[in-house]
N, C-alpha and C. Protein backbone atom coordinates (compact mmCIF):
# COMPACT_ATOMS: atom_id res chain seq x y z
N UNK A 1 -18.35 55.81 23.40
CA UNK A 1 -18.59 56.48 22.03
C UNK A 1 -17.34 56.09 20.87
N UNK A 2 -17.87 56.06 20.09
CA UNK A 2 -16.82 55.61 18.89
C UNK A 2 -16.94 56.68 17.73
N UNK A 3 -17.71 57.68 17.63
CA UNK A 3 -17.74 58.80 16.62
C UNK A 3 -18.64 59.94 17.07
N UNK A 4 -18.03 61.13 16.64
CA UNK A 4 -18.60 62.00 16.79
C UNK A 4 -19.16 62.94 15.55
N UNK A 5 -20.20 63.41 15.56
CA UNK A 5 -20.71 64.26 14.39
C UNK A 5 -21.32 65.58 14.70
N UNK A 6 -20.29 66.43 14.26
CA UNK A 6 -20.90 68.10 14.43
C UNK A 6 -21.67 68.56 13.26
N UNK A 7 -22.46 69.46 13.90
CA UNK A 7 -22.80 70.58 12.85
C UNK A 7 -21.80 71.46 12.27
N UNK A 8 -22.14 72.30 11.34
CA UNK A 8 -20.91 73.28 11.10
C UNK A 8 -21.12 74.37 10.99
N UNK A 9 -22.41 75.00 10.29
CA UNK A 9 -22.28 76.10 10.81
C UNK A 9 -22.74 76.66 12.32
N UNK A 10 -22.29 77.61 12.85
CA UNK A 10 -22.23 78.17 14.19
C UNK A 10 -22.33 76.93 15.29
N UNK A 11 -21.50 76.04 14.56
CA UNK A 11 -20.89 75.12 15.72
C UNK A 11 -19.27 75.25 15.56
N UNK A 12 -18.76 74.67 14.48
CA UNK A 12 -17.40 74.72 14.18
C UNK A 12 -16.96 75.92 13.29
N UNK A 13 -18.07 76.59 12.52
CA UNK A 13 -17.80 77.70 11.63
C UNK A 13 -18.56 78.80 12.05
N UNK A 14 -17.94 79.88 12.29
CA UNK A 14 -18.51 81.15 12.50
C UNK A 14 -19.37 81.44 11.43
N UNK A 15 -20.31 81.20 11.04
CA UNK A 15 -21.27 81.50 9.85
C UNK A 15 -21.79 83.11 10.19
N UNK A 16 -22.09 83.14 11.49
CA UNK A 16 -22.81 84.56 12.07
C UNK A 16 -22.17 85.77 11.92
N UNK A 17 -20.91 85.46 12.44
CA UNK A 17 -19.84 86.47 12.10
C UNK A 17 -19.08 87.00 10.91
N UNK A 18 -19.06 85.77 10.26
CA UNK A 18 -18.46 85.64 8.72
C UNK A 18 -19.32 86.50 7.75
N UNK A 19 -20.81 86.11 7.95
CA UNK A 19 -21.60 86.77 7.15
C UNK A 19 -22.24 88.35 7.78
N UNK A 20 -22.01 88.82 8.89
CA UNK A 20 -22.35 89.96 9.50
C UNK A 20 -21.18 90.93 8.81
N UNK A 21 -20.05 90.22 8.83
CA UNK A 21 -18.83 91.09 8.65
C UNK A 21 -18.87 91.07 6.86
N UNK A 22 -19.02 90.25 6.12
CA UNK A 22 -19.42 90.37 4.90
C UNK A 22 -20.50 91.28 4.50
N UNK A 23 -21.63 91.28 5.10
CA UNK A 23 -22.64 92.41 4.81
C UNK A 23 -22.15 93.85 5.08
N UNK A 24 -21.32 93.80 6.17
CA UNK A 24 -20.72 95.42 6.48
C UNK A 24 -19.89 95.99 5.32
N UNK A 25 -19.20 95.13 4.76
CA UNK A 25 -18.49 95.60 3.65
C UNK A 25 -18.73 95.72 2.83
N UNK A 26 -20.11 94.73 2.16
CA UNK A 26 -20.72 94.88 0.94
C UNK A 26 -21.66 96.01 0.72
N UNK A 27 -22.26 96.31 2.06
CA UNK A 27 -23.25 97.32 1.64
C UNK A 27 -22.80 98.88 1.29
N UNK A 28 -21.69 99.03 1.71
CA UNK A 28 -21.10 100.45 1.14
C UNK A 28 -21.24 100.53 -0.40
N UNK A 29 -20.39 99.38 -0.70
CA UNK A 29 -20.81 99.23 -2.15
C UNK A 29 -21.44 99.42 -3.17
N UNK A 30 -22.87 99.07 -2.19
CA UNK A 30 -24.13 99.39 -2.93
C UNK A 30 -24.63 100.98 -2.44
N UNK A 31 -23.97 101.45 -1.66
CA UNK A 31 -24.25 102.79 -1.48
C UNK A 31 -25.13 102.94 -0.47
N UNK A 32 -25.04 102.06 0.44
CA UNK A 32 -26.21 101.97 1.84
C UNK A 32 -24.86 102.03 2.92
N UNK A 33 -25.30 102.30 4.21
CA UNK A 33 -24.86 102.46 5.19
C UNK A 33 -25.05 101.17 6.19
N UNK A 34 -23.71 100.58 6.60
CA UNK A 34 -24.00 99.32 7.10
C UNK A 34 -24.66 99.32 8.57
N UNK A 35 -25.97 99.41 8.58
CA UNK A 35 -26.46 99.81 9.87
C UNK A 35 -26.84 98.27 10.73
N UNK A 36 -27.16 98.57 12.00
CA UNK A 36 -27.31 97.17 12.69
C UNK A 36 -28.72 96.56 11.97
N UNK A 37 -29.63 97.48 11.84
CA UNK A 37 -31.22 97.11 11.08
C UNK A 37 -31.05 96.40 9.97
N UNK A 38 -29.95 96.83 8.99
CA UNK A 38 -29.85 96.05 7.82
C UNK A 38 -29.36 94.90 7.80
N UNK A 39 -28.08 94.63 8.58
CA UNK A 39 -27.54 93.33 8.79
C UNK A 39 -28.87 92.35 9.78
N UNK A 40 -29.31 92.67 10.49
CA UNK A 40 -30.42 92.09 11.20
C UNK A 40 -31.36 91.59 10.28
N UNK A 41 -31.73 92.39 9.14
CA UNK A 41 -32.67 92.12 7.97
C UNK A 41 -32.01 91.11 7.27
N UNK A 42 -30.70 91.11 6.83
CA UNK A 42 -30.25 90.26 5.97
C UNK A 42 -30.44 88.79 6.49
N UNK A 43 -29.96 88.85 7.97
CA UNK A 43 -30.13 87.52 8.55
C UNK A 43 -31.47 86.99 8.52
N UNK A 44 -32.61 87.63 8.57
CA UNK A 44 -34.01 87.28 8.78
C UNK A 44 -34.43 86.66 7.39
N UNK A 45 -33.94 87.35 6.55
CA UNK A 45 -34.44 87.17 5.13
C UNK A 45 -33.77 85.84 4.33
N UNK A 46 -32.25 85.80 5.03
CA UNK A 46 -31.51 84.69 4.72
C UNK A 46 -32.43 83.45 5.46
N UNK A 47 -32.63 83.47 6.56
CA UNK A 47 -33.44 82.30 7.12
C UNK A 47 -34.91 81.73 6.66
N UNK A 48 -35.61 82.86 6.46
CA UNK A 48 -36.79 82.35 5.29
C UNK A 48 -36.41 81.73 3.94
N UNK A 49 -35.57 82.46 3.33
CA UNK A 49 -35.21 81.88 2.01
C UNK A 49 -34.43 80.48 1.99
N UNK A 50 -33.50 80.42 2.82
CA UNK A 50 -32.84 79.11 3.22
C UNK A 50 -33.98 77.94 3.57
N UNK A 51 -35.20 78.25 4.12
CA UNK A 51 -36.01 77.29 4.70
C UNK A 51 -36.74 76.88 3.60
N UNK A 52 -36.94 77.67 2.79
CA UNK A 52 -37.59 77.42 1.23
C UNK A 52 -36.77 76.37 0.12
N UNK A 53 -35.51 76.68 0.28
CA UNK A 53 -34.57 75.79 -0.23
C UNK A 53 -34.59 74.18 0.21
N UNK A 54 -34.43 74.37 1.69
CA UNK A 54 -34.55 72.95 2.43
C UNK A 54 -35.80 72.48 2.48
N UNK A 55 -36.91 73.05 2.16
CA UNK A 55 -38.23 72.39 1.78
C UNK A 55 -38.62 71.85 0.28
N UNK A 56 -37.37 72.24 -0.54
CA UNK A 56 -37.49 72.09 -1.88
C UNK A 56 -38.34 72.76 -2.63
N UNK A 57 -38.80 73.76 -2.32
CA UNK A 57 -39.49 75.08 -2.81
C UNK A 57 -38.64 75.63 -3.84
N UNK A 58 -37.43 76.15 -3.24
CA UNK A 58 -36.50 76.83 -4.27
C UNK A 58 -35.49 76.17 -4.35
N UNK A 59 -34.95 76.23 -5.75
CA UNK A 59 -33.23 75.82 -5.78
C UNK A 59 -32.44 76.61 -4.77
N UNK A 60 -31.19 75.99 -4.78
CA UNK A 60 -30.09 76.64 -4.05
C UNK A 60 -29.98 77.94 -4.71
N UNK A 61 -29.60 78.11 -5.89
CA UNK A 61 -29.57 79.41 -6.48
C UNK A 61 -30.86 80.10 -6.33
N UNK A 62 -32.02 79.51 -6.65
CA UNK A 62 -33.48 80.39 -6.32
C UNK A 62 -33.37 81.00 -4.87
N UNK A 63 -33.06 80.53 -3.62
CA UNK A 63 -32.97 81.08 -2.59
C UNK A 63 -32.13 82.19 -2.53
N UNK A 64 -30.97 82.08 -2.99
CA UNK A 64 -30.22 83.27 -3.15
C UNK A 64 -30.94 84.76 -3.61
N UNK A 65 -31.32 84.16 -5.05
CA UNK A 65 -32.20 85.32 -5.86
C UNK A 65 -33.20 85.88 -4.83
N UNK A 66 -34.22 84.91 -4.42
CA UNK A 66 -35.23 85.42 -3.43
C UNK A 66 -34.65 86.22 -2.26
N UNK A 67 -33.49 86.18 -1.69
CA UNK A 67 -32.97 86.83 -0.68
C UNK A 67 -32.47 88.56 -1.62
N UNK A 68 -32.24 88.29 -2.73
CA UNK A 68 -31.94 89.89 -3.20
C UNK A 68 -33.47 90.46 -3.41
N UNK A 69 -34.27 89.64 -3.83
CA UNK A 69 -35.62 90.21 -4.12
C UNK A 69 -36.46 91.06 -2.71
N UNK A 70 -35.90 90.47 -1.78
CA UNK A 70 -36.49 90.78 -0.70
C UNK A 70 -35.61 91.89 0.27
N UNK A 71 -34.07 92.00 0.02
CA UNK A 71 -33.53 92.86 0.45
C UNK A 71 -33.04 94.18 -0.08
N UNK A 72 -32.89 94.07 -1.57
CA UNK A 72 -32.47 95.32 -2.13
C UNK A 72 -33.49 96.35 -2.15
N UNK A 73 -34.85 96.02 -2.24
CA UNK A 73 -35.99 97.07 -1.91
C UNK A 73 -35.50 97.80 -0.65
N UNK A 74 -34.80 97.39 0.46
CA UNK A 74 -34.80 97.82 1.72
C UNK A 74 -33.81 98.98 1.53
N UNK A 75 -32.75 98.82 0.40
CA UNK A 75 -31.84 99.56 0.01
C UNK A 75 -32.09 100.82 -1.07
N UNK A 76 -33.26 100.62 -1.49
CA UNK A 76 -33.73 101.46 -2.96
C UNK A 76 -32.92 101.26 -3.76
N UNK A 77 -32.40 99.76 -3.91
CA UNK A 77 -31.40 99.32 -5.11
C UNK A 77 -32.35 98.40 -6.01
N UNK A 78 -32.23 98.70 -7.30
CA UNK A 78 -33.10 97.87 -8.13
C UNK A 78 -32.47 96.27 -8.09
N UNK A 79 -33.26 95.32 -8.42
CA UNK A 79 -33.32 94.10 -8.32
C UNK A 79 -32.56 93.74 -9.74
N UNK A 80 -31.58 93.09 -10.01
CA UNK A 80 -31.00 92.78 -11.50
C UNK A 80 -32.11 91.80 -12.27
N UNK A 81 -32.46 92.41 -13.55
CA UNK A 81 -33.79 91.87 -14.19
C UNK A 81 -33.41 90.27 -14.56
N UNK A 82 -32.45 89.70 -14.83
CA UNK A 82 -32.27 88.26 -15.13
C UNK A 82 -31.72 87.21 -14.01
N UNK A 83 -32.12 86.12 -13.80
CA UNK A 83 -31.46 85.27 -13.08
C UNK A 83 -29.90 85.40 -13.03
N UNK A 84 -29.29 85.29 -14.15
CA UNK A 84 -27.91 85.25 -14.30
C UNK A 84 -27.32 86.75 -13.65
N UNK A 85 -28.11 87.64 -14.15
CA UNK A 85 -27.65 88.95 -13.38
C UNK A 85 -27.86 88.86 -11.80
N UNK A 86 -28.71 88.39 -11.34
CA UNK A 86 -28.74 88.31 -10.00
C UNK A 86 -27.91 87.56 -9.25
N UNK A 87 -27.47 86.39 -10.17
CA UNK A 87 -26.30 85.48 -9.60
C UNK A 87 -25.18 86.24 -9.50
N UNK A 88 -24.93 86.93 -10.34
CA UNK A 88 -23.51 87.74 -10.31
C UNK A 88 -23.48 88.98 -9.50
N UNK A 89 -24.47 89.43 -9.22
CA UNK A 89 -24.96 90.58 -8.18
C UNK A 89 -24.46 89.65 -6.77
N UNK A 90 -25.04 88.66 -6.57
CA UNK A 90 -24.87 87.88 -5.26
C UNK A 90 -23.51 87.79 -5.31
N UNK A 91 -22.85 87.26 -6.15
CA UNK A 91 -21.30 87.00 -6.10
C UNK A 91 -20.63 88.15 -5.24
N UNK A 92 -20.98 89.40 -5.23
CA UNK A 92 -20.41 90.45 -4.70
C UNK A 92 -20.49 90.25 -2.98
N UNK A 93 -21.51 89.71 -2.76
CA UNK A 93 -21.72 89.28 -1.24
C UNK A 93 -21.12 88.10 -0.73
N UNK A 94 -20.91 87.07 -1.75
CA UNK A 94 -20.09 85.88 -1.62
C UNK A 94 -18.57 86.14 -1.42
N UNK A 95 -18.12 87.32 -2.32
CA UNK A 95 -16.65 87.41 -2.35
C UNK A 95 -16.44 87.96 -0.77
N UNK A 96 -16.94 88.54 -0.32
CA UNK A 96 -16.78 89.30 1.19
C UNK A 96 -17.25 88.15 2.07
N UNK A 97 -18.01 87.16 1.84
CA UNK A 97 -18.31 86.04 2.95
C UNK A 97 -16.96 85.56 2.94
N UNK A 98 -16.86 84.76 1.70
CA UNK A 98 -15.29 83.93 1.61
C UNK A 98 -14.20 84.55 2.17
N UNK A 99 -14.14 86.04 2.19
CA UNK A 99 -12.90 86.43 2.85
C UNK A 99 -12.96 86.57 4.48
N UNK A 100 -14.04 86.45 5.09
CA UNK A 100 -14.22 86.54 6.17
C UNK A 100 -14.60 85.10 6.95
N UNK A 101 -14.32 84.13 6.17
CA UNK A 101 -14.74 82.72 6.63
C UNK A 101 -13.57 82.52 8.12
N UNK A 102 -14.17 82.14 9.15
CA UNK A 102 -13.46 81.68 10.24
C UNK A 102 -13.87 80.67 10.86
N UNK A 103 -13.06 79.90 11.71
CA UNK A 103 -13.43 78.89 12.68
C UNK A 103 -13.54 79.33 14.03
N UNK A 104 -14.38 78.72 14.78
CA UNK A 104 -14.44 79.16 16.47
C UNK A 104 -12.84 78.74 17.07
N UNK A 105 -12.67 79.57 18.21
CA UNK A 105 -11.18 79.19 18.40
C UNK A 105 -11.30 77.74 19.14
N UNK A 106 -12.16 77.18 19.39
CA UNK A 106 -12.30 76.10 20.19
C UNK A 106 -12.56 74.60 19.14
N UNK A 107 -12.55 75.09 17.54
CA UNK A 107 -13.11 74.17 16.87
C UNK A 107 -11.78 72.87 16.87
N UNK A 108 -10.73 73.80 16.44
CA UNK A 108 -9.64 72.79 15.97
C UNK A 108 -9.26 71.91 17.18
N UNK A 109 -9.51 72.45 18.60
CA UNK A 109 -9.03 71.76 19.89
C UNK A 109 -9.99 70.74 20.21
N UNK A 110 -11.13 71.21 19.97
CA UNK A 110 -12.33 69.88 19.91
C UNK A 110 -12.12 68.69 18.83
N UNK A 111 -11.93 69.03 17.72
CA UNK A 111 -11.40 68.02 16.76
C UNK A 111 -10.07 67.01 17.12
N UNK A 112 -9.32 67.81 17.57
CA UNK A 112 -7.86 67.13 18.02
C UNK A 112 -8.20 66.37 19.07
N UNK A 113 -9.46 66.81 20.24
CA UNK A 113 -9.46 66.11 21.55
C UNK A 113 -10.57 64.70 20.83
N UNK A 114 -11.07 64.90 20.06
CA UNK A 114 -12.12 63.44 19.40
C UNK A 114 -10.95 62.76 18.66
N UNK A 115 -10.12 63.21 18.02
CA UNK A 115 -8.87 62.45 17.47
C UNK A 115 -8.55 61.63 18.45
N UNK A 116 -7.84 62.47 19.49
CA UNK A 116 -7.03 61.62 20.44
C UNK A 116 -7.84 60.74 21.13
N UNK A 117 -9.45 60.72 21.32
CA UNK A 117 -10.39 59.53 21.76
C UNK A 117 -10.36 58.41 20.76
N UNK A 118 -9.70 58.62 19.60
CA UNK A 118 -9.71 57.49 18.71
C UNK A 118 -10.99 57.39 17.98
N UNK A 119 -12.28 58.45 18.11
CA UNK A 119 -13.24 58.77 17.47
C UNK A 119 -13.06 58.82 15.88
N UNK A 120 -14.04 58.40 15.29
CA UNK A 120 -14.26 58.72 13.80
C UNK A 120 -15.05 60.15 14.20
N UNK A 121 -14.92 60.99 13.09
CA UNK A 121 -15.27 62.23 13.18
C UNK A 121 -15.90 62.66 11.90
N UNK A 122 -17.23 63.38 11.86
CA UNK A 122 -18.12 63.85 10.57
C UNK A 122 -18.86 64.91 11.07
N UNK A 123 -19.14 65.43 9.99
CA UNK A 123 -20.06 66.63 9.67
C UNK A 123 -21.10 66.20 9.03
N UNK A 124 -22.52 66.94 9.64
CA UNK A 124 -23.69 66.79 9.15
C UNK A 124 -24.11 68.02 9.03
N UNK A 125 -24.51 68.66 7.98
CA UNK A 125 -24.80 70.02 7.57
C UNK A 125 -25.86 70.22 6.56
N UNK A 126 -26.74 71.01 6.71
CA UNK A 126 -27.91 71.52 5.97
C UNK A 126 -27.22 72.56 4.85
N UNK A 127 -26.84 72.09 3.96
CA UNK A 127 -25.93 72.66 2.91
C UNK A 127 -25.47 72.30 1.81
N UNK A 128 -24.77 72.86 0.89
CA UNK A 128 -24.43 72.19 -0.48
C UNK A 128 -22.84 71.80 -0.08
N UNK A 129 -22.79 70.66 -0.80
CA UNK A 129 -21.25 69.83 -0.65
C UNK A 129 -20.30 70.82 -0.78
N UNK A 130 -20.14 71.61 -2.21
CA UNK A 130 -19.09 72.26 -2.59
C UNK A 130 -18.90 73.49 -1.52
N UNK A 131 -19.78 74.06 -1.16
CA UNK A 131 -19.58 75.44 -0.36
C UNK A 131 -19.11 75.07 1.25
N UNK A 132 -19.54 73.96 1.57
CA UNK A 132 -19.47 73.58 3.14
C UNK A 132 -17.92 72.90 2.98
N UNK A 133 -17.61 72.03 2.04
CA UNK A 133 -16.40 71.43 1.73
C UNK A 133 -15.38 72.44 1.91
N UNK A 134 -15.50 73.69 1.01
CA UNK A 134 -14.80 74.47 0.75
C UNK A 134 -14.52 75.19 2.01
N UNK A 135 -15.55 75.80 3.19
CA UNK A 135 -15.47 76.19 4.12
C UNK A 135 -14.47 75.33 5.17
N UNK A 136 -14.80 74.08 4.97
CA UNK A 136 -13.78 73.37 6.05
C UNK A 136 -12.59 73.39 5.54
N UNK A 137 -12.29 73.34 4.40
CA UNK A 137 -10.73 73.20 3.87
C UNK A 137 -10.06 74.81 4.00
N UNK A 138 -11.11 75.73 3.73
CA UNK A 138 -9.96 77.07 4.38
C UNK A 138 -10.12 77.25 5.93
N UNK A 139 -10.70 76.89 6.62
CA UNK A 139 -10.50 77.13 8.01
C UNK A 139 -9.75 75.96 8.60
N UNK A 140 -9.15 75.35 7.68
CA UNK A 140 -8.07 74.36 8.25
C UNK A 140 -8.49 72.99 8.85
N UNK A 141 -10.18 72.92 8.84
CA UNK A 141 -10.38 71.57 9.40
C UNK A 141 -10.40 70.38 8.75
N UNK A 142 -10.58 70.30 7.41
CA UNK A 142 -10.99 69.20 6.70
C UNK A 142 -10.03 68.21 7.23
N UNK A 143 -8.85 68.23 7.41
CA UNK A 143 -7.85 67.08 7.45
C UNK A 143 -8.34 66.18 8.75
N UNK A 144 -9.20 66.72 9.52
CA UNK A 144 -9.51 65.88 10.70
C UNK A 144 -10.65 65.00 10.40
N UNK A 145 -11.57 65.10 9.26
CA UNK A 145 -12.80 64.62 9.14
C UNK A 145 -12.65 63.32 8.37
N UNK A 146 -13.64 62.32 8.90
CA UNK A 146 -13.81 60.89 8.35
C UNK A 146 -15.17 60.86 7.03
N UNK A 147 -15.85 62.02 7.37
CA UNK A 147 -17.17 62.10 6.44
C UNK A 147 -17.83 63.52 6.57
N UNK A 148 -18.10 63.89 5.48
CA UNK A 148 -18.74 65.22 5.21
C UNK A 148 -20.35 65.07 4.58
N UNK A 149 -21.36 65.14 5.30
CA UNK A 149 -22.49 64.84 4.75
C UNK A 149 -23.16 66.16 4.68
N UNK A 150 -23.97 66.35 3.64
CA UNK A 150 -24.51 67.33 3.20
C UNK A 150 -25.89 67.13 2.84
N UNK A 151 -26.89 68.17 2.92
CA UNK A 151 -28.29 67.99 2.15
C UNK A 151 -28.18 67.78 0.80
N UNK A 152 -27.07 68.01 0.28
CA UNK A 152 -27.13 67.78 -1.33
C UNK A 152 -26.64 66.63 -1.32
N UNK A 153 -25.52 65.94 -0.71
CA UNK A 153 -25.00 64.60 -0.90
C UNK A 153 -25.91 63.52 -0.16
N UNK A 154 -26.80 63.73 0.47
CA UNK A 154 -27.64 62.94 1.14
C UNK A 154 -29.00 62.76 0.66
N UNK A 155 -29.46 64.12 0.01
CA UNK A 155 -30.51 63.90 -0.88
C UNK A 155 -31.84 64.42 0.17
N UNK A 156 -31.58 64.82 1.57
CA UNK A 156 -32.24 65.13 2.79
C UNK A 156 -31.69 66.00 3.42
N UNK A 157 -32.35 66.54 4.45
CA UNK A 157 -31.95 67.65 5.30
C UNK A 157 -32.14 66.97 6.70
N UNK A 158 -31.63 67.67 7.79
CA UNK A 158 -31.97 67.45 9.30
C UNK A 158 -33.50 68.39 9.26
N UNK A 159 -34.45 67.92 10.09
CA UNK A 159 -34.35 66.94 10.97
C UNK A 159 -34.88 65.43 10.56
N UNK A 160 -34.57 64.92 9.51
CA UNK A 160 -35.02 63.83 8.80
C UNK A 160 -34.43 62.91 9.73
N UNK A 161 -35.11 61.79 9.83
CA UNK A 161 -34.14 60.91 10.77
C UNK A 161 -32.91 60.30 9.81
N UNK A 162 -33.47 60.00 8.72
CA UNK A 162 -32.17 59.40 7.82
C UNK A 162 -30.83 60.22 7.85
N UNK A 163 -31.04 61.70 7.73
CA UNK A 163 -29.82 62.48 7.84
C UNK A 163 -28.64 61.82 8.90
N UNK A 164 -29.20 61.86 10.03
CA UNK A 164 -28.34 61.23 11.06
C UNK A 164 -27.96 59.67 10.77
N UNK A 165 -29.01 59.00 10.34
CA UNK A 165 -28.43 57.49 10.30
C UNK A 165 -27.65 57.24 9.07
N UNK A 166 -27.74 58.05 8.08
CA UNK A 166 -26.81 57.83 7.29
C UNK A 166 -25.18 58.47 7.49
N UNK A 167 -25.44 59.26 8.15
CA UNK A 167 -24.33 59.98 8.64
C UNK A 167 -23.37 58.92 9.30
N UNK A 168 -24.22 58.23 10.11
CA UNK A 168 -23.48 57.22 10.94
C UNK A 168 -23.26 55.96 10.18
N UNK A 169 -23.61 55.71 9.28
CA UNK A 169 -23.11 54.83 8.34
C UNK A 169 -21.92 54.92 7.31
N UNK A 170 -22.04 56.35 7.24
CA UNK A 170 -20.85 56.90 6.62
C UNK A 170 -19.39 56.93 7.55
N UNK A 171 -19.49 57.23 8.78
CA UNK A 171 -18.82 56.56 9.56
C UNK A 171 -18.20 55.33 10.15
N UNK A 172 -19.46 54.50 9.74
CA UNK A 172 -19.34 52.88 10.10
C UNK A 172 -19.60 52.81 11.37
N UNK A 173 -20.24 53.62 11.99
CA UNK A 173 -20.74 53.25 13.76
C UNK A 173 -21.97 53.33 13.87
N UNK A 174 -22.76 52.64 14.69
CA UNK A 174 -24.15 52.65 15.02
C UNK A 174 -24.80 53.83 15.71
N UNK A 175 -25.95 54.05 15.65
CA UNK A 175 -26.14 55.68 16.35
C UNK A 175 -26.01 55.68 17.83
N UNK A 176 -26.14 54.34 18.43
CA UNK A 176 -25.87 54.24 19.98
C UNK A 176 -24.50 54.30 20.22
N UNK A 177 -23.35 54.45 19.26
CA UNK A 177 -21.80 54.63 19.46
C UNK A 177 -21.59 55.65 18.92
N UNK A 178 -22.67 56.83 18.55
CA UNK A 178 -22.35 58.31 17.83
C UNK A 178 -23.16 59.14 18.62
N UNK A 179 -22.14 60.16 18.95
CA UNK A 179 -22.37 61.49 19.85
C UNK A 179 -22.50 62.89 18.43
N UNK A 180 -23.98 63.11 18.64
CA UNK A 180 -23.92 64.58 17.73
C UNK A 180 -23.83 65.93 18.61
N UNK A 181 -23.40 66.72 18.10
CA UNK A 181 -23.00 67.99 18.77
C UNK A 181 -23.27 69.43 17.99
N UNK A 182 -24.20 70.14 18.33
CA UNK A 182 -24.36 71.16 17.32
C UNK A 182 -25.38 72.44 18.10
N UNK A 183 -25.39 73.73 17.57
CA UNK A 183 -26.09 74.91 18.33
C UNK A 183 -27.64 75.00 17.97
N UNK A 184 -28.06 74.23 17.23
CA UNK A 184 -29.90 74.25 17.20
C UNK A 184 -30.25 73.08 17.81
N UNK A 185 -30.94 73.37 18.85
CA UNK A 185 -31.75 72.64 19.60
C UNK A 185 -32.60 71.61 19.12
N UNK A 186 -32.95 71.99 18.32
CA UNK A 186 -34.01 70.96 17.58
C UNK A 186 -33.47 70.06 16.60
N UNK A 187 -32.67 70.62 15.57
CA UNK A 187 -32.08 69.96 14.65
C UNK A 187 -30.94 69.09 14.96
N UNK A 188 -30.01 69.62 15.76
CA UNK A 188 -28.95 69.09 16.47
C UNK A 188 -28.67 68.32 17.79
N UNK A 189 -30.01 68.21 18.36
CA UNK A 189 -29.89 67.73 19.67
C UNK A 189 -31.34 66.78 19.56
N UNK A 190 -32.58 67.35 19.61
CA UNK A 190 -33.84 66.77 19.75
C UNK A 190 -34.07 65.34 18.63
N UNK A 191 -33.68 65.92 17.34
CA UNK A 191 -33.72 65.09 16.12
C UNK A 191 -32.80 63.85 16.13
N UNK A 192 -31.71 64.05 16.52
CA UNK A 192 -30.86 62.95 16.57
C UNK A 192 -31.03 61.99 17.62
N UNK A 193 -31.40 62.70 18.76
CA UNK A 193 -31.81 61.59 20.04
C UNK A 193 -33.10 60.72 19.40
N UNK A 194 -33.76 61.52 18.82
CA UNK A 194 -35.08 60.69 18.57
C UNK A 194 -34.76 59.50 17.52
N UNK A 195 -33.68 59.87 16.68
CA UNK A 195 -32.83 58.68 15.81
C UNK A 195 -32.09 57.73 16.43
N UNK A 196 -31.62 57.88 17.86
CA UNK A 196 -30.96 57.01 18.52
C UNK A 196 -29.90 57.29 18.93
N UNK A 197 -29.11 58.40 18.54
CA UNK A 197 -27.76 58.90 18.79
C UNK A 197 -28.05 59.63 20.13
N UNK A 198 -26.73 60.08 20.87
CA UNK A 198 -26.74 60.70 21.86
C UNK A 198 -26.49 61.87 21.16
N UNK A 199 -26.99 63.17 21.98
CA UNK A 199 -26.58 64.33 21.43
C UNK A 199 -26.66 65.57 22.35
N UNK A 200 -25.86 66.29 22.32
CA UNK A 200 -25.29 67.39 23.17
C UNK A 200 -25.68 69.17 22.52
N UNK A 201 -25.94 70.22 23.23
CA UNK A 201 -26.43 70.92 22.73
C UNK A 201 -25.16 72.23 23.05
N UNK A 202 -24.80 72.88 21.86
CA UNK A 202 -23.76 73.75 21.95
C UNK A 202 -24.35 75.12 22.24
N UNK A 203 -24.35 75.89 23.35
CA UNK A 203 -25.10 77.04 23.83
C UNK A 203 -24.06 78.00 23.79
N UNK A 204 -23.34 78.60 22.99
CA UNK A 204 -22.63 79.99 23.41
C UNK A 204 -23.19 80.96 23.61
N UNK A 205 -22.61 81.76 24.97
CA UNK A 205 -21.25 81.38 25.69
C UNK A 205 -21.50 80.62 26.90
N UNK A 206 -22.66 80.07 26.88
CA UNK A 206 -22.76 79.18 27.87
C UNK A 206 -22.09 78.05 28.30
N UNK A 207 -21.57 77.35 27.20
CA UNK A 207 -20.57 76.26 27.02
C UNK A 207 -19.69 76.46 25.58
N UNK A 208 -18.68 75.57 25.68
CA UNK A 208 -18.07 75.30 24.45
C UNK A 208 -17.87 74.09 23.86
N UNK A 209 -17.31 73.79 22.74
CA UNK A 209 -17.23 72.60 22.32
C UNK A 209 -16.59 71.60 23.32
N UNK A 210 -15.42 71.81 23.93
CA UNK A 210 -14.46 71.07 24.58
C UNK A 210 -15.47 70.77 25.65
N UNK A 211 -16.47 71.43 26.46
CA UNK A 211 -17.02 70.94 27.48
C UNK A 211 -18.24 69.97 26.90
N UNK A 212 -18.32 69.98 25.90
CA UNK A 212 -19.50 68.67 25.74
C UNK A 212 -18.60 67.45 24.99
N UNK A 213 -17.06 67.34 25.17
CA UNK A 213 -16.81 65.98 24.36
C UNK A 213 -16.42 65.42 25.92
């Protein structure tokens, strides 16, 4: 191997933990109890809305608004009447989300190990460039990276084969020289393998990033 590509959310960056903590601190501001049921509903709604953005049905802001339209009625809370009001309202959640951003404990050691192997290091993430780059900077992992490829920067998402091939190109390595690691079996293992990369599945807590390098 000459390079490794990491997924970001729930691989290096603890999205589930960060988002759950954000929802639990945001809900009391909306007059709701932060129950396990509401947190689970938030994640289910997020998954549905985010898929609509990845498919091109919604803009990134549109998927955030869609989440409010589905979630706020569960709280008996009115949905703000305009797009701008909804964007401002969603910022309340984002404030808590950013405050809880964190890396997994094995993330930096894994990047240091890859660096010690003289591998080039990339990120391939289904997200927006500004937010995903901000996450990496906040959790201190940005200095280790040679390339950050996102849905927005590439103009396409995992599992499109070109997402993996263009990330290899950004790292100036051939697919056969590149390892992909991520938590999603379909997006981070099966699809990159079909594109000619080597891929390994991160399945916490069964294994860690260091086990896969």
